[in-house]
Amino acid sequence: MDDENQPVLQLRVVVEAEDFDAAVRFYRDLLGLPERIAYAQGADDRVSILEAGRATLEIASPGHKKAIDEIEADGQESQRIRLAFEVTDSKGMTRRLESAGARVVAEPVLTPWQSLNSRLDAPGDLQITLFQETMPEEQLPQLEGFATDAERH
């Protein structure tokens, strides 16, 4: 579907960060999200809009959220909303962000969905997941449990 036929063109997640500079440094400089645009009107009225590639909205049932917490973080309950970033090197990025002050909640683990996931507490009071796909997306439907709602009904 091209942009002309899509009613929604962008997903923008807005995060209030007490330490604005530390949050920008973490997400822009360490995680590597390029800054698209920034706006400032005084020392306390600032925003930085970072490009995060393709955005999706992952809606999980309570049961699935619990299963993810069990697999990804040894059962430690995640926040109701969690950001997940697809990266090319989950282990390396976990170490990089940890050395910059993020708290590792769970080390990288291979999930049943064939992604290598870690979980961290990050600036902006966010819990984030880093995930590295280990299998091409077009091969995932071959795995048990993968189907769209339309295919299940």
N, C-alpha and C. Protein backbone atom coordinates (compact mmCIF):
# COMPACT_ATOMS: atom_id res chain seq x y z
N MET A 1 0.85 -1.17 0.00
CA MET A 1 0.00 0.00 0.00
C MET A 1 0.90 1.24 0.00
N ASP A 2 0.64 2.17 -0.91
CA ASP A 2 1.45 3.38 -0.95
C ASP A 2 0.88 4.44 0.00
N ASP A 3 1.69 5.49 0.28
CA ASP A 3 1.28 6.54 1.22
C ASP A 3 -0.04 7.18 0.86
N GLU A 4 -0.32 7.28 -0.43
CA GLU A 4 -1.54 7.94 -0.89
C GLU A 4 -2.80 7.21 -0.44
N ASN A 5 -2.71 5.88 -0.30
CA ASN A 5 -3.87 5.08 0.07
C ASN A 5 -3.92 4.71 1.55
N GLN A 6 -2.95 5.16 2.32
CA GLN A 6 -2.94 4.86 3.75
C GLN A 6 -3.49 6.04 4.54
N PRO A 7 -4.44 5.80 5.44
CA PRO A 7 -4.98 6.90 6.23
C PRO A 7 -4.01 7.39 7.31
N VAL A 8 -3.11 6.52 7.77
CA VAL A 8 -2.11 6.91 8.77
C VAL A 8 -0.74 6.86 8.11
N LEU A 9 0.00 7.96 8.19
CA LEU A 9 1.29 8.04 7.52
C LEU A 9 2.48 7.85 8.46
N GLN A 10 2.27 8.03 9.75
CA GLN A 10 3.40 7.95 10.67
C GLN A 10 2.89 7.63 12.08
N LEU A 11 3.65 6.84 12.80
CA LEU A 11 3.42 6.63 14.22
C LEU A 11 4.51 7.40 14.94
N ARG A 12 4.11 8.29 15.83
CA ARG A 12 5.08 9.08 16.60
C ARG A 12 4.81 8.84 18.08
N VAL A 13 5.77 8.28 18.77
CA VAL A 13 5.68 8.04 20.20
C VAL A 13 6.32 9.24 20.90
N VAL A 14 5.59 9.89 21.79
CA VAL A 14 6.07 11.08 22.49
C VAL A 14 6.42 10.68 23.92
N VAL A 15 7.65 10.95 24.32
CA VAL A 15 8.15 10.58 25.65
C VAL A 15 8.63 11.83 26.37
N GLU A 16 8.09 12.07 27.56
CA GLU A 16 8.60 13.16 28.39
C GLU A 16 9.81 12.64 29.16
N ALA A 17 10.95 13.33 29.03
CA ALA A 17 12.17 12.91 29.71
C ALA A 17 12.65 14.01 30.64
N GLU A 18 12.74 13.70 31.93
CA GLU A 18 13.23 14.69 32.90
C GLU A 18 14.61 15.19 32.51
N ASP A 19 15.51 14.27 32.15
CA ASP A 19 16.85 14.66 31.69
C ASP A 19 16.87 14.58 30.17
N PHE A 20 16.41 15.65 29.54
CA PHE A 20 16.26 15.71 28.09
C PHE A 20 17.58 15.40 27.39
N ASP A 21 18.66 16.04 27.81
CA ASP A 21 19.95 15.86 27.13
C ASP A 21 20.44 14.41 27.22
N ALA A 22 20.29 13.79 28.38
CA ALA A 22 20.72 12.40 28.54
C ALA A 22 19.88 11.47 27.67
N ALA A 23 18.59 11.72 27.59
CA ALA A 23 17.71 10.88 26.77
C ALA A 23 18.06 11.02 25.29
N VAL A 24 18.27 12.26 24.83
CA VAL A 24 18.64 12.46 23.42
C VAL A 24 19.97 11.78 23.13
N ARG A 25 20.93 11.96 24.01
CA ARG A 25 22.25 11.34 23.83
C ARG A 25 22.10 9.82 23.74
N PHE A 26 21.30 9.22 24.60
CA PHE A 26 21.12 7.77 24.63
C PHE A 26 20.50 7.26 23.33
N TYR A 27 19.36 7.83 22.97
CA TYR A 27 18.62 7.31 21.80
C TYR A 27 19.25 7.74 20.48
N ARG A 28 19.76 8.96 20.39
CA ARG A 28 20.36 9.44 19.15
C ARG A 28 21.79 8.94 18.98
N ASP A 29 22.62 9.20 19.98
CA ASP A 29 24.05 8.95 19.82
C ASP A 29 24.44 7.50 20.08
N LEU A 30 23.78 6.83 21.01
CA LEU A 30 24.17 5.46 21.35
C LEU A 30 23.35 4.42 20.61
N LEU A 31 22.03 4.57 20.62
CA LEU A 31 21.19 3.62 19.88
C LEU A 31 21.27 3.88 18.38
N GLY A 32 21.55 5.13 17.99
CA GLY A 32 21.78 5.44 16.58
C GLY A 32 20.57 5.95 15.81
N LEU A 33 19.56 6.49 16.51
CA LEU A 33 18.40 7.04 15.81
C LEU A 33 18.73 8.45 15.32
N PRO A 34 18.76 8.68 14.01
CA PRO A 34 19.11 10.01 13.51
C PRO A 34 18.03 11.05 13.84
N GLU A 35 18.46 12.25 14.10
CA GLU A 35 17.53 13.34 14.42
C GLU A 35 16.95 13.89 13.11
N ARG A 36 15.63 13.86 12.99
CA ARG A 36 14.95 14.41 11.81
C ARG A 36 14.80 15.90 11.92
N ILE A 37 14.40 16.36 13.11
CA ILE A 37 14.16 17.78 13.33
C ILE A 37 14.16 18.01 14.84
N ALA A 38 14.47 19.23 15.22
CA ALA A 38 14.44 19.58 16.64
C ALA A 38 13.85 20.98 16.76
N TYR A 39 13.29 21.26 17.93
CA TYR A 39 12.66 22.56 18.17
C TYR A 39 13.00 22.98 19.59
N ALA A 40 13.31 24.25 19.77
CA ALA A 40 13.60 24.76 21.11
C ALA A 40 13.06 26.17 21.23
N GLN A 41 12.44 26.44 22.35
CA GLN A 41 11.97 27.78 22.69
C GLN A 41 12.34 27.97 24.16
N GLY A 42 13.59 28.29 24.40
CA GLY A 42 14.06 28.42 25.77
C GLY A 42 14.68 27.13 26.26
N ALA A 43 15.23 27.17 27.47
CA ALA A 43 15.96 26.02 28.01
C ALA A 43 15.06 24.85 28.38
N ASP A 44 13.78 25.10 28.68
CA ASP A 44 12.92 24.03 29.16
C ASP A 44 11.80 23.66 28.19
N ASP A 45 11.84 24.17 26.98
CA ASP A 45 10.82 23.88 25.97
C ASP A 45 11.54 23.35 24.74
N ARG A 46 11.86 22.04 24.78
CA ARG A 46 12.66 21.44 23.72
C ARG A 46 12.06 20.11 23.30
N VAL A 47 12.25 19.80 22.03
CA VAL A 47 11.84 18.51 21.51
C VAL A 47 12.84 18.09 20.43
N SER A 48 13.10 16.81 20.36
CA SER A 48 13.94 16.23 19.33
C SER A 48 13.17 15.06 18.73
N ILE A 49 12.98 15.08 17.43
CA ILE A 49 12.23 14.02 16.75
C ILE A 49 13.25 13.12 16.06
N LEU A 50 13.32 11.89 16.53
CA LEU A 50 14.30 10.93 16.04
C LEU A 50 13.65 9.93 15.11
N GLU A 51 14.34 9.61 14.05
CA GLU A 51 13.86 8.65 13.05
C GLU A 51 14.17 7.24 13.54
N ALA A 52 13.14 6.41 13.59
CA ALA A 52 13.32 5.04 14.08
C ALA A 52 12.98 4.00 13.02
N GLY A 53 13.07 4.36 11.76
CA GLY A 53 12.76 3.40 10.71
C GLY A 53 11.27 3.12 10.63
N ARG A 54 10.91 1.94 10.20
CA ARG A 54 9.52 1.54 10.07
C ARG A 54 8.88 1.42 11.45
N ALA A 55 7.69 1.93 11.60
CA ALA A 55 6.98 1.83 12.88
C ALA A 55 5.81 0.87 12.74
N THR A 56 5.61 0.07 13.76
CA THR A 56 4.45 -0.80 13.83
C THR A 56 3.84 -0.66 15.21
N LEU A 57 2.58 -0.95 15.34
CA LEU A 57 1.91 -0.96 16.64
C LEU A 57 1.61 -2.41 16.96
N GLU A 58 2.29 -2.94 17.95
CA GLU A 58 2.12 -4.34 18.34
C GLU A 58 1.10 -4.41 19.46
N ILE A 59 -0.04 -4.99 19.19
CA ILE A 59 -1.10 -5.11 20.18
C ILE A 59 -1.07 -6.55 20.70
N ALA A 60 -0.86 -6.68 22.01
CA ALA A 60 -0.71 -8.00 22.61
C ALA A 60 -1.82 -8.24 23.63
N SER A 61 -2.35 -9.46 23.62
CA SER A 61 -3.32 -9.84 24.65
C SER A 61 -2.57 -9.96 25.99
N PRO A 62 -3.30 -9.91 27.12
CA PRO A 62 -2.64 -10.09 28.42
C PRO A 62 -1.86 -11.41 28.50
N GLY A 63 -2.41 -12.46 27.90
CA GLY A 63 -1.73 -13.75 27.92
C GLY A 63 -0.43 -13.73 27.14
N HIS A 64 -0.43 -13.04 26.00
CA HIS A 64 0.79 -12.96 25.20
C HIS A 64 1.83 -12.09 25.90
N LYS A 65 1.39 -10.98 26.50
CA LYS A 65 2.32 -10.12 27.24
C LYS A 65 3.00 -10.93 28.34
N LYS A 66 2.22 -11.74 29.05
CA LYS A 66 2.77 -12.58 30.12
C LYS A 66 3.77 -13.59 29.54
N ALA A 67 3.43 -14.18 28.40
CA ALA A 67 4.34 -15.14 27.76
C ALA A 67 5.64 -14.46 27.34
N ILE A 68 5.55 -13.26 26.78
CA ILE A 68 6.75 -12.52 26.38
C ILE A 68 7.60 -12.22 27.61
N ASP A 69 6.97 -11.76 28.69
CA ASP A 69 7.71 -11.46 29.92
C ASP A 69 8.42 -12.71 30.43
N GLU A 70 7.77 -13.85 30.34
CA GLU A 70 8.35 -15.11 30.80
C GLU A 70 9.58 -15.48 29.96
N ILE A 71 9.45 -15.39 28.65
CA ILE A 71 10.53 -15.78 27.73
C ILE A 71 11.66 -14.76 27.74
N GLU A 72 11.30 -13.51 27.66
CA GLU A 72 12.27 -12.44 27.43
C GLU A 72 12.92 -11.94 28.71
N ALA A 73 12.24 -12.05 29.84
CA ALA A 73 12.76 -11.43 31.07
C ALA A 73 12.54 -12.28 32.31
N ASP A 74 12.58 -13.61 32.14
CA ASP A 74 12.42 -14.52 33.29
C ASP A 74 11.21 -14.20 34.14
N GLY A 75 10.13 -13.77 33.51
CA GLY A 75 8.89 -13.51 34.22
C GLY A 75 8.76 -12.14 34.85
N GLN A 76 9.81 -11.32 34.76
CA GLN A 76 9.71 -9.95 35.29
C GLN A 76 8.69 -9.19 34.46
N GLU A 77 7.69 -8.66 35.11
CA GLU A 77 6.60 -8.00 34.41
C GLU A 77 7.06 -6.71 33.75
N SER A 78 6.69 -6.54 32.49
CA SER A 78 7.04 -5.33 31.76
C SER A 78 5.99 -4.25 31.99
N GLN A 79 6.36 -3.04 31.62
CA GLN A 79 5.41 -1.94 31.67
C GLN A 79 4.30 -2.21 30.65
N ARG A 80 3.17 -1.53 30.82
CA ARG A 80 2.04 -1.71 29.91
C ARG A 80 2.42 -1.33 28.49
N ILE A 81 3.24 -0.30 28.35
CA ILE A 81 3.74 0.11 27.04
C ILE A 81 5.25 0.00 27.08
N ARG A 82 5.80 -0.68 26.09
CA ARG A 82 7.24 -0.90 26.01
C ARG A 82 7.67 -0.65 24.58
N LEU A 83 8.80 0.00 24.39
CA LEU A 83 9.31 0.23 23.05
C LEU A 83 10.24 -0.92 22.67
N ALA A 84 10.12 -1.40 21.45
CA ALA A 84 10.99 -2.46 20.96
C ALA A 84 11.70 -1.95 19.71
N PHE A 85 13.01 -2.07 19.71
CA PHE A 85 13.83 -1.59 18.59
C PHE A 85 14.48 -2.79 17.91
N GLU A 86 14.25 -2.93 16.60
CA GLU A 86 14.96 -3.96 15.85
C GLU A 86 16.37 -3.45 15.58
N VAL A 87 17.35 -4.25 15.94
CA VAL A 87 18.75 -3.89 15.75
C VAL A 87 19.46 -5.02 15.00
N THR A 88 20.64 -4.72 14.48
CA THR A 88 21.39 -5.73 13.73
C THR A 88 22.25 -6.61 14.63
N ASP A 89 22.53 -6.16 15.86
CA ASP A 89 23.37 -6.91 16.79
C ASP A 89 22.83 -6.72 18.20
N SER A 90 21.93 -7.60 18.60
CA SER A 90 21.27 -7.47 19.90
C SER A 90 22.27 -7.54 21.06
N LYS A 91 23.19 -8.47 20.99
CA LYS A 91 24.17 -8.62 22.08
C LYS A 91 25.07 -7.39 22.17
N GLY A 92 25.60 -6.95 21.04
CA GLY A 92 26.49 -5.79 21.03
C GLY A 92 25.79 -4.52 21.47
N MET A 93 24.57 -4.30 21.00
CA MET A 93 23.84 -3.09 21.37
C MET A 93 23.45 -3.12 22.85
N THR A 94 23.14 -4.30 23.36
CA THR A 94 22.84 -4.42 24.79
C THR A 94 24.04 -3.97 25.62
N ARG A 95 25.24 -4.44 25.25
CA ARG A 95 26.46 -4.04 25.97
C ARG A 95 26.71 -2.54 25.83
N ARG A 96 26.49 -2.02 24.63
CA ARG A 96 26.73 -0.59 24.39
C ARG A 96 25.82 0.28 25.25
N LEU A 97 24.54 -0.06 25.29
CA LEU A 97 23.59 0.73 26.07
C LEU A 97 23.81 0.54 27.57
N GLU A 98 24.19 -0.67 27.96
CA GLU A 98 24.50 -0.90 29.37
C GLU A 98 25.69 -0.04 29.80
N SER A 99 26.71 0.03 28.97
CA SER A 99 27.89 0.82 29.33
C SER A 99 27.57 2.31 29.39
N ALA A 100 26.46 2.71 28.77
CA ALA A 100 26.04 4.11 28.80
C ALA A 100 25.06 4.38 29.95
N GLY A 101 24.78 3.37 30.76
CA GLY A 101 23.94 3.60 31.93
C GLY A 101 22.59 2.92 31.94
N ALA A 102 22.20 2.27 30.84
CA ALA A 102 20.94 1.54 30.86
C ALA A 102 21.10 0.32 31.78
N ARG A 103 20.03 -0.05 32.46
CA ARG A 103 20.06 -1.22 33.33
C ARG A 103 19.52 -2.42 32.57
N VAL A 104 20.33 -3.46 32.47
CA VAL A 104 19.90 -4.67 31.77
C VAL A 104 18.93 -5.42 32.67
N VAL A 105 17.71 -5.57 32.19
CA VAL A 105 16.69 -6.34 32.90
C VAL A 105 16.85 -7.81 32.56
N ALA A 106 17.14 -8.09 31.28
CA ALA A 106 17.34 -9.46 30.84
C ALA A 106 18.30 -9.48 29.65
N GLU A 107 19.23 -10.42 29.70
CA GLU A 107 20.21 -10.59 28.63
C GLU A 107 19.53 -11.12 27.36
N PRO A 108 20.19 -11.00 26.21
CA PRO A 108 19.60 -11.52 24.97
C PRO A 108 19.27 -13.01 25.07
N VAL A 109 18.07 -13.34 24.60
CA VAL A 109 17.60 -14.72 24.61
C VAL A 109 16.89 -14.98 23.28
N LEU A 110 17.04 -16.19 22.75
CA LEU A 110 16.36 -16.56 21.51
C LEU A 110 14.92 -16.92 21.84
N THR A 111 13.98 -16.24 21.21
CA THR A 111 12.56 -16.47 21.46
C THR A 111 12.01 -17.55 20.54
N PRO A 112 10.82 -18.08 20.83
CA PRO A 112 10.18 -19.04 19.92
C PRO A 112 9.88 -18.41 18.55
N TRP A 113 9.89 -17.08 18.48
CA TRP A 113 9.62 -16.37 17.23
C TRP A 113 10.91 -16.10 16.47
N GLN A 114 11.99 -16.73 16.92
CA GLN A 114 13.29 -16.68 16.27
C GLN A 114 13.90 -15.28 16.22
N SER A 115 13.66 -14.51 17.27
CA SER A 115 14.37 -13.23 17.41
C SER A 115 15.19 -13.30 18.69
N LEU A 116 16.31 -12.59 18.68
CA LEU A 116 17.20 -12.54 19.83
C LEU A 116 16.88 -11.26 20.59
N ASN A 117 16.23 -11.39 21.75
CA ASN A 117 15.68 -10.24 22.48
C ASN A 117 16.40 -10.02 23.81
N SER A 118 16.63 -8.74 24.12
CA SER A 118 17.08 -8.34 25.46
C SER A 118 16.15 -7.25 25.94
N ARG A 119 16.17 -7.00 27.24
CA ARG A 119 15.30 -5.97 27.81
C ARG A 119 16.13 -5.08 28.73
N LEU A 120 15.88 -3.76 28.62
CA LEU A 120 16.63 -2.79 29.41
C LEU A 120 15.72 -1.71 29.95
N ASP A 121 16.10 -1.13 31.10
CA ASP A 121 15.48 0.09 31.60
C ASP A 121 16.32 1.23 31.05
N ALA A 122 15.67 2.17 30.36
CA ALA A 122 16.37 3.21 29.61
C ALA A 122 15.91 4.60 30.04
N PRO A 123 16.63 5.64 29.60
CA PRO A 123 16.21 7.01 29.91
C PRO A 123 14.78 7.30 29.48
N GLY A 124 14.17 8.26 30.15
CA GLY A 124 12.78 8.59 29.88
C GLY A 124 11.84 7.66 30.63
N ASP A 125 12.39 6.92 31.61
CA ASP A 125 11.61 5.94 32.38
C ASP A 125 10.92 4.93 31.46
N LEU A 126 11.64 4.50 30.44
CA LEU A 126 11.10 3.53 29.49
C LEU A 126 11.78 2.19 29.67
N GLN A 127 11.01 1.14 29.51
CA GLN A 127 11.58 -0.18 29.40
C GLN A 127 11.61 -0.48 27.90
N ILE A 128 12.76 -0.91 27.40
CA ILE A 128 12.88 -1.17 25.97
C ILE A 128 13.31 -2.61 25.74
N THR A 129 12.94 -3.10 24.58
CA THR A 129 13.40 -4.39 24.10
C THR A 129 14.26 -4.13 22.88
N LEU A 130 15.40 -4.79 22.82
CA LEU A 130 16.20 -4.82 21.60
C LEU A 130 15.97 -6.19 20.99
N PHE A 131 15.64 -6.23 19.71
CA PHE A 131 15.44 -7.54 19.08
C PHE A 131 16.17 -7.60 17.76
N GLN A 132 16.74 -8.76 17.51
CA GLN A 132 17.46 -9.04 16.27
C GLN A 132 16.77 -10.22 15.62
N GLU A 133 16.25 -10.01 14.43
CA GLU A 133 15.60 -11.11 13.71
C GLU A 133 16.68 -12.08 13.24
N THR A 134 16.44 -13.37 13.43
CA THR A 134 17.41 -14.38 13.00
C THR A 134 16.89 -15.17 11.80
N MET A 135 15.68 -14.84 11.37
CA MET A 135 15.05 -15.53 10.25
C MET A 135 14.33 -14.48 9.41
N PRO A 136 14.40 -14.60 8.08
CA PRO A 136 13.67 -13.63 7.25
C PRO A 136 12.16 -13.64 7.55
N GLU A 137 11.55 -12.46 7.56
CA GLU A 137 10.13 -12.33 7.90
C GLU A 137 9.24 -13.22 7.04
N GLU A 138 9.58 -13.37 5.78
CA GLU A 138 8.73 -14.18 4.89
C GLU A 138 8.76 -15.66 5.24
N GLN A 139 9.74 -16.11 6.04
CA GLN A 139 9.80 -17.51 6.47
C GLN A 139 9.05 -17.76 7.78
N LEU A 140 8.72 -16.71 8.51
CA LEU A 140 8.06 -16.87 9.81
C LEU A 140 6.71 -17.60 9.73
N PRO A 141 5.89 -17.37 8.69
CA PRO A 141 4.60 -18.09 8.64
C PRO A 141 4.74 -19.62 8.62
N GLN A 142 5.94 -20.12 8.33
CA GLN A 142 6.17 -21.57 8.36
C GLN A 142 6.24 -22.11 9.79
N LEU A 143 6.47 -21.22 10.75
CA LEU A 143 6.56 -21.64 12.15
C LEU A 143 5.17 -21.80 12.75
N GLU A 144 5.04 -22.70 13.71
CA GLU A 144 3.76 -22.93 14.37
C GLU A 144 3.27 -21.66 15.06
N GLY A 145 1.99 -21.35 14.88
CA GLY A 145 1.37 -20.21 15.54
C GLY A 145 1.37 -18.92 14.74
N PHE A 146 2.14 -18.87 13.66
CA PHE A 146 2.19 -17.65 12.86
C PHE A 146 1.08 -17.64 11.82
N ALA A 147 0.22 -16.64 11.90
CA ALA A 147 -0.85 -16.43 10.92
C ALA A 147 -1.50 -15.10 11.25
N THR A 148 -2.14 -14.50 10.27
CA THR A 148 -2.91 -13.29 10.54
C THR A 148 -4.28 -13.69 11.06
N ASP A 149 -5.00 -12.76 11.67
CA ASP A 149 -6.36 -13.05 12.13
C ASP A 149 -7.23 -13.54 10.99
N ALA A 150 -7.08 -12.95 9.82
CA ALA A 150 -7.88 -13.35 8.65
C ALA A 150 -7.61 -14.81 8.29
N GLU A 151 -6.37 -15.26 8.45
CA GLU A 151 -6.03 -16.65 8.12
C GLU A 151 -6.52 -17.63 9.19
N ARG A 152 -6.70 -17.16 10.41
CA ARG A 152 -7.16 -18.03 11.50
C ARG A 152 -8.66 -18.28 11.46
N HIS A 153 -9.41 -17.38 10.85
CA HIS A 153 -10.88 -17.49 10.88
C HIS A 153 -11.42 -18.04 9.60
